[in-house]
C-alpha atoms as a PDB file:
ATOM      1  CA  MET A   1      60.047  17.835  26.520  1.00  0.00           C
ATOM      2  CA  LYS A   2      62.431  18.326  23.596  1.00  0.00           C
ATOM      3  CA  LYS A   3      63.194  21.799  22.334  1.00  0.00           C
ATOM      4  CA  ALA A   4      61.760  21.009  18.881  1.00  0.00           C
ATOM      5  CA  MET A   5      58.462  20.040  20.415  1.00  0.00           C
ATOM      6  CA  LEU A   6      58.395  23.148  22.560  1.00  0.00           C
ATOM      7  CA  TRP A   7      59.027  25.384  19.528  1.00  0.00           C
ATOM      8  CA  THR A   8      56.355  23.555  17.524  1.00  0.00           C
ATOM      9  CA  LEU A   9      53.856  24.014  20.348  1.00  0.00           C
ATOM     10  CA  ALA A  10      54.799  27.667  20.622  1.00  0.00           C
ATOM     11  CA  VAL A  11      54.302  28.173  16.871  1.00  0.00           C
ATOM     12  CA  LEU A  12      50.833  26.562  16.964  1.00  0.00           C
ATOM     13  CA  ILE A  13      49.717  28.651  19.916  1.00  0.00           C
ATOM     14  CA  THR A  14      51.037  31.793  18.228  1.00  0.00           C
ATOM     15  CA  LEU A  15      49.213  31.107  14.972  1.00  0.00           C
ATOM     16  CA  PHE A  16      45.959  30.408  16.851  1.00  0.00           C
ATOM     17  CA  VAL A  17      46.224  33.704  18.763  1.00  0.00           C
ATOM     18  CA  LEU A  18      46.989  35.751  15.700  1.00  0.00           C
ATOM     19  CA  VAL A  19      44.189  34.177  13.596  1.00  0.00           C
ATOM     20  CA  TYR A  20      41.753  34.619  16.472  1.00  0.00           C
ATOM     21  CA  GLN A  21      42.722  38.280  16.918  1.00  0.00           C
ATOM     22  CA  ARG A  22      42.443  38.887  13.217  1.00  0.00           C
ATOM     23  CA  VAL A  23      38.959  37.357  12.685  1.00  0.00           C
ATOM     24  CA  THR A  24      37.448  38.939  15.791  1.00  0.00           C
ATOM     25  CA  GLY A  25      38.760  42.459  15.201  1.00  0.00           C
ATOM     26  CA  PRO A  26      36.553  45.366  14.137  1.00  0.00           C
ATOM     27  CA  THR A  27      38.496  45.812  10.858  1.00  0.00           C
ATOM     28  CA  TYR A  28      37.905  42.236   9.660  1.00  0.00           C
ATOM     29  CA  PRO A  29      35.344  42.051   6.820  1.00  0.00           C
ATOM     30  CA  MET A  30      31.876  40.770   7.693  1.00  0.00           C
ATOM     31  CA  ARG A  31      31.346  37.656   5.575  1.00  0.00           C
ATOM     32  CA  GLY A  32      28.287  35.576   5.117  1.00  0.00           C
ATOM     33  CA  LYS A  33      25.450  34.343   2.893  1.00  0.00           C
ATOM     34  CA  ALA A  34      21.755  35.215   2.613  1.00  0.00           C
ATOM     35  CA  VAL A  35      18.888  33.750   0.573  1.00  0.00           C
ATOM     36  CA  LEU A  36      16.285  35.802  -1.220  1.00  0.00           C
ATOM     37  CA  SER A  37      13.730  34.460  -3.654  1.00  0.00           C
ATOM     38  CA  GLY A  38      15.535  31.127  -3.748  1.00  0.00           C
ATOM     39  CA  THR A  39      18.914  32.686  -4.716  1.00  0.00           C
ATOM     40  CA  GLU A  40      21.961  32.490  -2.531  1.00  0.00           C
ATOM     41  CA  ILE A  41      23.765  35.809  -1.997  1.00  0.00           C
ATOM     42  CA  GLY A  42      27.404  35.746  -0.897  1.00  0.00           C
ATOM     43  CA  PHE A  43      28.817  38.911   0.630  1.00  0.00           C
ATOM     44  CA  ARG A  44      31.989  40.363   2.118  1.00  0.00           C
ATOM     45  CA  LEU A  45      31.313  43.747   3.673  1.00  0.00           C
ATOM     46  CA  LEU A  46      34.476  45.762   4.277  1.00  0.00           C
ATOM     47  CA  ARG A  47      35.185  47.477   7.549  1.00  0.00           C
ATOM     48  CA  THR A  48      38.447  49.214   6.662  1.00  0.00           C
ATOM     49  CA  HIS A  49      39.697  50.984   3.542  1.00  0.00           C
ATOM     50  CA  GLU A  50      42.335  53.422   2.401  1.00  0.00           C
ATOM     51  CA  SER A  51      41.459  57.078   2.290  1.00  0.00           C
ATOM     52  CA  THR A  52      42.797  57.566  -1.222  1.00  0.00           C
ATOM     53  CA  GLN A  53      39.765  56.249  -3.048  1.00  0.00           C
ATOM     54  CA  ASP A  54      36.122  55.283  -2.766  1.00  0.00           C
ATOM     55  CA  CYS A  55      35.435  51.934  -1.243  1.00  0.00           C
ATOM     56  CA  GLU A  56      33.917  49.308  -3.570  1.00  0.00           C
ATOM     57  CA  ILE A  57      31.361  47.003  -2.068  1.00  0.00           C
ATOM     58  CA  ARG A  58      30.725  43.949  -4.189  1.00  0.00           C
ATOM     59  CA  ILE A  59      28.299  41.119  -3.452  1.00  0.00           C
ATOM     60  CA  THR A  60      27.517  37.914  -5.401  1.00  0.00           C
ATOM     61  CA  ALA A  61      23.875  37.875  -6.524  1.00  0.00           C
ATOM     62  CA  PRO A  62      23.718  35.722  -9.624  1.00  0.00           C
ATOM     63  CA  SER A  63      19.964  36.063 -10.357  1.00  0.00           C
ATOM     64  CA  SER A  64      19.145  38.954 -12.710  1.00  0.00           C
ATOM     65  CA  GLY A  65      15.962  39.477 -10.700  1.00  0.00           C
ATOM     66  CA  LEU A  66      17.975  40.672  -7.724  1.00  0.00           C
ATOM     67  CA  GLU A  67      18.748  44.332  -7.204  1.00  0.00           C
ATOM     68  CA  GLY A  68      20.548  46.166  -4.466  1.00  0.00           C
ATOM     69  CA  TYR A  69      21.131  49.482  -2.771  1.00  0.00           C
ATOM     70  CA  MET A  70      23.180  50.931   0.138  1.00  0.00           C
ATOM     71  CA  GLU A  71      22.339  53.442   2.833  1.00  0.00           C
ATOM     72  CA  TYR A  72      25.200  55.210   4.601  1.00  0.00           C
ATOM     73  CA  LYS A  73      26.141  58.266   6.673  1.00  0.00           C
ATOM     74  CA  ARG A  74      29.201  59.535   8.447  1.00  0.00           C
ATOM     75  CA  TYR A  75      29.741  58.033  11.882  1.00  0.00           C
ATOM     76  CA  PRO A  76      29.109  59.161  14.495  1.00  0.00           C
ATOM     77  CA  THR A  77      26.952  62.075  13.278  1.00  0.00           C
ATOM     78  CA  GLN A  78      23.322  63.051  12.969  1.00  0.00           C
ATOM     79  CA  ASP A  79      23.595  63.173   9.161  1.00  0.00           C
ATOM     80  CA  ALA A  80      20.623  61.969   7.140  1.00  0.00           C
ATOM     81  CA  LEU A  81      21.166  58.631   5.418  1.00  0.00           C
ATOM     82  CA  THR A  82      22.295  58.689   1.821  1.00  0.00           C
ATOM     83  CA  LYS A  83      20.804  56.004  -0.449  1.00  0.00           C
ATOM     84  CA  VAL A  84      22.726  54.809  -3.540  1.00  0.00           C
ATOM     85  CA  SER A  85      21.781  52.102  -6.039  1.00  0.00           C
ATOM     86  CA  MET A  86      24.107  49.206  -6.772  1.00  0.00           C
ATOM     87  CA  THR A  87      24.807  48.349 -10.368  1.00  0.00           C
ATOM     88  CA  ARG A  88      25.026  44.885 -11.867  1.00  0.00           C
ATOM     89  CA  GLN A  89      28.350  43.595 -13.208  1.00  0.00           C
ATOM     90  CA  GLY A  90      27.834  39.998 -14.329  1.00  0.00           C
ATOM     91  CA  ASP A  91      26.891  37.966 -11.289  1.00  0.00           C
ATOM     92  CA  ASP A  92      27.719  40.773  -8.886  1.00  0.00           C
ATOM     93  CA  LEU A  93      26.027  43.884  -7.506  1.00  0.00           C
ATOM     94  CA  VAL A  94      28.502  46.688  -6.982  1.00  0.00           C
ATOM     95  CA  GLY A  95      28.228  49.948  -5.037  1.00  0.00           C
ATOM     96  CA  HIS A  96      30.715  52.564  -3.816  1.00  0.00           C
ATOM     97  CA  LEU A  97      31.113  54.396  -0.504  1.00  0.00           C
ATOM     98  CA  PRO A  98      32.785  57.812  -0.736  1.00  0.00           C
ATOM     99  CA  LYS A  99      36.309  58.146   0.504  1.00  0.00           C
ATOM    100  CA  GLN A 100      36.846  59.870   3.886  1.00  0.00           C
ATOM    101  CA  LEU A 101      39.670  61.564   5.737  1.00  0.00           C
ATOM    102  CA  SER A 102      42.048  59.367   7.658  1.00  0.00           C
ATOM    103  CA  SER A 103      40.260  57.837  10.757  1.00  0.00           C
ATOM    104  CA  GLY A 104      36.940  58.982   9.334  1.00  0.00           C
ATOM    105  CA  LYS A 105      34.146  56.414   9.589  1.00  0.00           C
ATOM    106  CA  LEU A 106      30.954  55.579   7.753  1.00  0.00           C
ATOM    107  CA  GLN A 107      28.069  53.411   8.877  1.00  0.00           C
ATOM    108  CA  TYR A 108      26.308  51.545   6.087  1.00  0.00           C
ATOM    109  CA  LYS A 109      23.843  48.810   5.241  1.00  0.00           C
ATOM    110  CA  VAL A 110      23.487  46.827   2.061  1.00  0.00           C
ATOM    111  CA  PHE A 111      20.029  45.761   0.977  1.00  0.00           C
ATOM    112  CA  VAL A 112      19.089  43.237  -1.690  1.00  0.00           C
ATOM    113  CA  THR A 113      15.602  43.343  -3.180  1.00  0.00           C
ATOM    114  CA  SER A 114      13.504  41.017  -5.327  1.00  0.00           C
ATOM    115  CA  GLN A 115       9.801  41.025  -6.142  1.00  0.00           C
ATOM    116  CA  GLY A 116       8.886  43.370  -3.385  1.00  0.00           C
ATOM    117  CA  LYS A 117      11.001  41.542  -0.797  1.00  0.00           C
ATOM    118  CA  GLU A 118      14.244  42.805   0.712  1.00  0.00           C
ATOM    119  CA  VAL A 119      16.962  41.727   3.062  1.00  0.00           C
ATOM    120  CA  SER A 120      19.621  43.661   4.938  1.00  0.00           C
ATOM    121  CA  LEU A 121      22.825  41.708   4.697  1.00  0.00           C
ATOM    122  CA  SER A 122      24.087  42.899   8.078  1.00  0.00           C
ATOM    123  CA  GLY A 123      20.775  42.516   9.830  1.00  0.00           C
ATOM    124  CA  GLU A 124      19.506  45.278  12.088  1.00  0.00           C
ATOM    125  CA  ASP A 125      22.961  46.714  12.862  1.00  0.00           C
ATOM    126  CA  PRO A 126      24.979  48.780  10.330  1.00  0.00           C
ATOM    127  CA  ILE A 127      28.552  48.024   9.315  1.00  0.00           C
ATOM    128  CA  ILE A 128      31.120  50.585  10.509  1.00  0.00           C
ATOM    129  CA  ILE A 129      33.989  51.177   8.112  1.00  0.00           C
ATOM    130  CA  ARG A 130      37.100  53.212   9.030  1.00  0.00           C
ATOM    131  CA  TYR A 131      39.382  54.841   6.532  1.00  0.00           C
ATOM    132  CA  LYS A 132      43.151  55.111   6.870  1.00  0.00           C
ATOM    133  CA  ASP A 133      46.019  56.587   4.909  1.00  0.00           C
ATOM    134  CA  PRO A 134      48.345  54.175   3.123  1.00  0.00           C
ATOM    135  CA  VAL A 135      51.089  52.452   5.156  1.00  0.00           C
ATOM    136  CA  PRO A 136      54.360  51.657   3.331  1.00  0.00           C
ATOM    137  CA  THR A 137      54.659  47.953   2.530  1.00  0.00           C
ATOM    138  CA  TRP A 138      58.072  47.643   4.106  1.00  0.00           C
ATOM    139  CA  LEU A 139      56.733  48.933   7.424  1.00  0.00           C
ATOM    140  CA  LEU A 140      53.645  46.761   7.345  1.00  0.00           C
ATOM    141  CA  ILE A 141      55.672  43.593   6.653  1.00  0.00           C
ATOM    142  CA  SER A 142      58.303  44.516   9.266  1.00  0.00           C
ATOM    143  CA  HIS A 143      55.630  45.040  11.868  1.00  0.00           C
ATOM    144  CA  ILE A 144      53.925  41.818  11.159  1.00  0.00           C
ATOM    145  CA  ILE A 145      57.174  39.795  11.277  1.00  0.00           C
ATOM    146  CA  VAL A 146      58.469  41.436  14.492  1.00  0.00           C
ATOM    147  CA  ILE A 147      55.090  41.026  16.295  1.00  0.00           C
ATOM    148  CA  PHE A 148      54.911  37.433  15.219  1.00  0.00           C
ATOM    149  CA  ILE A 149      58.379  36.836  16.593  1.00  0.00           C
ATOM    150  CA  ALA A 150      57.468  38.669  19.838  1.00  0.00           C
ATOM    151  CA  LEU A 151      54.404  36.529  20.416  1.00  0.00           C
ATOM    152  CA  LEU A 152      56.262  33.347  19.418  1.00  0.00           C
ATOM    153  CA  LEU A 153      59.044  34.196  21.926  1.00  0.00           C
ATOM    154  CA  THR A 154      56.363  34.900  24.513  1.00  0.00           C
ATOM    155  CA  MET A 155      54.901  31.416  24.149  1.00  0.00           C
ATOM    156  CA  ARG A 156      58.254  29.750  24.046  1.00  0.00           C
ATOM    157  CA  THR A 157      59.478  31.601  27.087  1.00  0.00           C
ATOM    158  CA  GLY A 158      56.374  30.656  29.069  1.00  0.00           C
ATOM    159  CA  LEU A 159      56.798  26.990  28.110  1.00  0.00           C
ATOM    160  CA  GLU A 160      60.418  27.165  29.187  1.00  0.00           C
ATOM    161  CA  ALA A 161      59.343  28.649  32.534  1.00  0.00           C
ATOM    162  CA  LEU A 162      57.223  25.578  33.174  1.00  0.00           C
ATOM    163  CA  LYS A 163      60.370  23.411  33.337  1.00  0.00           C
ATOM    164  CA  SER A 164      61.472  23.175  36.932  1.00  0.00           C
ATOM    165  CA  LYS A 165      65.272  23.270  36.236  1.00  0.00           C
ATOM    166  CA  ALA A 166      65.202  25.743  33.314  1.00  0.00           C
ATOM    167  CA  ASN A 167      66.241  29.391  33.373  1.00  0.00           C
ATOM    168  CA  PRO A 168      64.148  31.260  30.824  1.00  0.00           C
ATOM    169  CA  ARG A 169      65.778  34.651  31.454  1.00  0.00           C
ATOM    170  CA  LYS A 170      67.602  34.877  28.091  1.00  0.00           C
ATOM    171  CA  LEU A 171      64.384  34.112  26.236  1.00  0.00           C
ATOM    172  CA  ALA A 172      62.560  36.665  28.408  1.00  0.00           C
ATOM    173  CA  ILE A 173      65.085  39.326  27.383  1.00  0.00           C
ATOM    174  CA  LEU A 174      64.596  38.513  23.696  1.00  0.00           C
ATOM    175  CA  THR A 175      60.814  38.573  24.190  1.00  0.00           C
ATOM    176  CA  THR A 176      60.935  42.024  25.745  1.00  0.00           C
ATOM    177  CA  ILE A 177      63.229  43.384  22.950  1.00  0.00           C
ATOM    178  CA  PHE A 178      60.965  42.185  20.125  1.00  0.00           C
ATOM    179  CA  LEU A 179      57.804  43.260  21.930  1.00  0.00           C
ATOM    180  CA  PHE A 180      59.303  46.727  22.350  1.00  0.00           C
ATOM    181  CA  LEU A 181      60.378  46.898  18.718  1.00  0.00           C
ATOM    182  CA  GLY A 182      57.067  45.674  17.303  1.00  0.00           C
ATOM    183  CA  GLY A 183      54.718  47.360  19.691  1.00  0.00           C
ATOM    184  CA  MET A 184      56.467  50.551  20.683  1.00  0.00           C
ATOM    185  CA  ILE A 185      58.482  51.430  17.553  1.00  0.00           C
ATOM    186  CA  LEU A 186      56.994  49.812  14.442  1.00  0.00           C
ATOM    187  CA  GLY A 187      53.403  49.869  15.678  1.00  0.00           C
ATOM    188  CA  PRO A 188      53.352  53.628  16.417  1.00  0.00           C
ATOM    189  CA  LEU A 189      55.064  54.361  13.098  1.00  0.00           C
ATOM    190  CA  MET A 190      52.301  52.403  11.298  1.00  0.00           C
ATOM    191  CA  GLN A 191      49.715  54.427  13.218  1.00  0.00           C
ATOM    192  CA  LEU A 192      51.470  57.654  12.236  1.00  0.00           C
ATOM    193  CA  TYR A 193      51.251  56.814   8.586  1.00  0.00           C
ATOM    194  CA  ALA A 194      47.654  55.495   8.821  1.00  0.00           C
ATOM    195  CA  PHE A 195      46.085  57.996  11.235  1.00  0.00           C
ATOM    196  CA  GLY A 196      48.582  60.819  11.736  1.00  0.00           C
ATOM    197  CA  ALA A 197      49.340  60.044  15.429  1.00  0.00           C
ATOM    198  CA  LEU A 198      52.283  58.129  16.969  1.00  0.00           C
ATOM    199  CA  TRP A 199      50.572  57.258  20.165  1.00  0.00           C
ATOM    200  CA  THR A 200      46.907  57.402  21.160  1.00  0.00           C
ATOM    201  CA  GLY A 201      47.034  55.218  24.305  1.00  0.00           C
ATOM    202  CA  PHE A 202      47.637  56.204  27.948  1.00  0.00           C
ATOM    203  CA  PRO A 203      48.014  58.963  28.972  1.00  0.00           C
ATOM    204  CA  PHE A 204      46.915  60.670  25.752  1.00  0.00           C
ATOM    205  CA  GLY A 205      43.940  58.502  24.716  1.00  0.00           C
ATOM    206  CA  ILE A 206      42.006  55.232  25.062  1.00  0.00           C
ATOM    207  CA  ASP A 207      43.325  53.306  21.972  1.00  0.00           C
ATOM    208  CA  LEU A 208      43.147  49.745  23.229  1.00  0.00           C
ATOM    209  CA  THR A 209      45.845  48.486  20.902  1.00  0.00           C
ATOM    210  CA  ASP A 210      48.387  51.020  22.276  1.00  0.00           C
ATOM    211  CA  ASN A 211      47.278  50.408  25.887  1.00  0.00           C
ATOM    212  CA  LYS A 212      47.344  46.636  25.703  1.00  0.00           C
ATOM    213  CA  THR A 213      50.850  46.725  24.156  1.00  0.00           C
ATOM    214  CA  LEU A 214      52.002  48.953  27.007  1.00  0.00           C
ATOM    215  CA  VAL A 215      50.492  46.632  29.635  1.00  0.00           C
ATOM    216  CA  ALA A 216      52.213  43.596  28.109  1.00  0.00           C
ATOM    217  CA  LEU A 217      55.584  45.401  27.906  1.00  0.00           C
ATOM    218  CA  ILE A 218      55.328  46.529  31.543  1.00  0.00           C
ATOM    219  CA  GLY A 219      54.614  42.883  32.536  1.00  0.00           C
ATOM    220  CA  TRP A 220      57.819  41.724  30.865  1.00  0.00           C
ATOM    221  CA  ILE A 221      59.888  44.512  32.364  1.00  0.00           C
ATOM    222  CA  ILE A 222      58.653  43.591  35.793  1.00  0.00           C
ATOM    223  CA  ALA A 223      59.604  39.932  35.133  1.00  0.00           C
ATOM    224  CA  LEU A 224      63.087  40.985  34.057  1.00  0.00           C
ATOM    225  CA  ILE A 225      63.519  43.076  37.178  1.00  0.00           C
ATOM    226  CA  ALA A 226      62.399  40.157  39.322  1.00  0.00           C
ATOM    227  CA  GLY A 227      65.050  38.000  37.621  1.00  0.00           C
ATOM    228  CA  ARG A 228      67.919  40.428  37.951  1.00  0.00           C
ATOM    229  CA  GLY A 229      71.175  38.784  38.963  1.00  0.00           C
ATOM    230  CA  GLY A 230      70.437  35.791  36.742  1.00  0.00           C
ATOM    231  CA  LYS A 231      67.537  34.429  38.792  1.00  0.00           C
ATOM    232  CA  PRO A 232      65.066  32.373  36.798  1.00  0.00           C
ATOM    233  CA  ALA A 233      61.961  34.162  38.135  1.00  0.00           C
ATOM    234  CA  ARG A 234      59.794  31.546  36.540  1.00  0.00           C
ATOM    235  CA  GLY A 235      56.674  32.633  38.354  1.00  0.00           C
ATOM    236  CA  TRP A 236      57.055  36.230  37.175  1.00  0.00           C
ATOM    237  CA  ILE A 237      57.760  35.096  33.627  1.00  0.00           C
ATOM    238  CA  LEU A 238      54.708  32.848  33.602  1.00  0.00           C
ATOM    239  CA  GLY A 239      52.647  35.790  34.803  1.00  0.00           C
ATOM    240  CA  ALA A 240      54.029  37.987  31.984  1.00  0.00           C
ATOM    241  CA  THR A 241      53.301  35.221  29.507  1.00  0.00           C
ATOM    242  CA  VAL A 242      49.677  34.838  30.622  1.00  0.00           C
ATOM    243  CA  LEU A 243      49.248  38.625  30.644  1.00  0.00           C
ATOM    244  CA  THR A 244      50.585  38.896  27.084  1.00  0.00           C
ATOM    245  CA  LEU A 245      48.369  36.037  25.924  1.00  0.00           C
ATOM    246  CA  ILE A 246      45.293  37.755  27.370  1.00  0.00           C
ATOM    247  CA  VAL A 247      46.384  41.061  25.795  1.00  0.00           C
ATOM    248  CA  PHE A 248      46.789  39.434  22.358  1.00  0.00           C
ATOM    249  CA  LEU A 249      43.347  37.802  22.563  1.00  0.00           C
ATOM    250  CA  ILE A 250      41.777  41.231  22.737  1.00  0.00           C
ATOM    251  CA  PRO A 251      40.618  42.091  19.180  1.00  0.00           C
ATOM    252  CA  HIS A 252      42.928  44.414  17.267  1.00  0.00           C
ATOM    253  CA  SER A 253      42.100  48.125  16.687  1.00  0.00           C
ATOM    254  CA  VAL A 254      39.321  48.271  19.338  1.00  0.00           C
ATOM    255  CA  LEU A 255      38.742  51.906  20.477  1.00  0.00           C
ATOM    256  CA  GLY A 256      41.086  53.094  17.804  1.00  0.00           C
ATOM    257  CA  SER A 257      41.460  56.528  16.219  1.00  0.00           C
ATOM    258  CA  GLU A 258      38.213  58.208  15.233  1.00  0.00           C
ATOM    259  CA  LEU A 259      37.738  61.417  13.288  1.00  0.00           C
ATOM    260  CA  ASP A 260      35.628  64.126  14.941  1.00  0.00           C
ATOM    261  CA  TYR A 261      33.582  65.386  11.947  1.00  0.00           C
ATOM    262  CA  SER A 262      32.579  68.497  13.898  1.00  0.00           C
ATOM    263  CA  GLU A 263      36.185  69.657  13.590  1.00  0.00           C
ATOM    264  CA  VAL A 264      36.307  69.407   9.792  1.00  0.00           C
ATOM    265  CA  GLU A 265      33.107  71.158   8.821  1.00  0.00           C
ATOM    266  CA  ASN A 266      35.114  73.954   7.341  1.00  0.00           C
ATOM    267  CA  PRO A 267      35.493  73.051   3.624  1.00  0.00           C
ATOM    268  CA  GLN A 268      38.948  74.624   3.386  1.00  0.00           C
ATOM    269  CA  GLN A 269      40.108  72.554   6.395  1.00  0.00           C
ATOM    270  CA  THR A 270      38.674  69.420   4.871  1.00  0.00           C
ATOM    271  CA  ILE A 271      40.494  70.038   1.591  1.00  0.00           C
ATOM    272  CA  ALA A 272      43.778  70.624   3.429  1.00  0.00           C
ATOM    273  CA  GLN A 273      43.480  67.394   5.357  1.00  0.00           C
ATOM    274  CA  LEU A 274      42.719  65.443   2.198  1.00  0.00           C
ATOM    275  CA  ARG A 275      46.106  66.643   0.910  1.00  0.00           C
END
């Protein structure tokens, strides 16, 4: 198979994996439509927001007979639910969730009412939204680019390893370098800005994003060791490729940082952390 075709296939697989990870992750907005009193309601319920401002929740409810309200509380706590009315702005109903400290979470539901009927847009289960501090644009873009290259090289190296006479070692070295830069340098820096911690995976925590990156990197290091001396080690490289593919199919930000509200009950401590 020609190199151009292999690179094209690698790009397609990479795009599929990244899109799949994005849309299945717990930070991806919940989108959908509901119908109440013959009117279609379009919604996009946010599950992540910056800690610097209140989170605006806006749904499309064009009929003037439709009204809305939200119920929310800090998560996970035993707080009583707070109910706030949504206001109409043209065809939209708009409400606001209060800003939280970095890694703080709220659980909320959005209800639309009309003529004594009501519908919960998220069904029985509430939406969980997590707040984060702002991440510099340069860091965010750098991380995205480097992780894309790392995954692209992973797919391309694995395809190269399928060729019986090929030696994918050079590609494997590049894959390991970019995976290290994206997952072990830029990724932790992003987490430091967003949640105030460089590393929350093993052995310090259970952050699945950190842990899955570590597992993938270890897989590639083992493959490189197996190929020392210039050996192709195609079986080991295929194993590292499959391992990385599985890792990247795990939704992003699962078991991520979560604020313990019991530790910020002191008002002065809360004010200090809000900076």
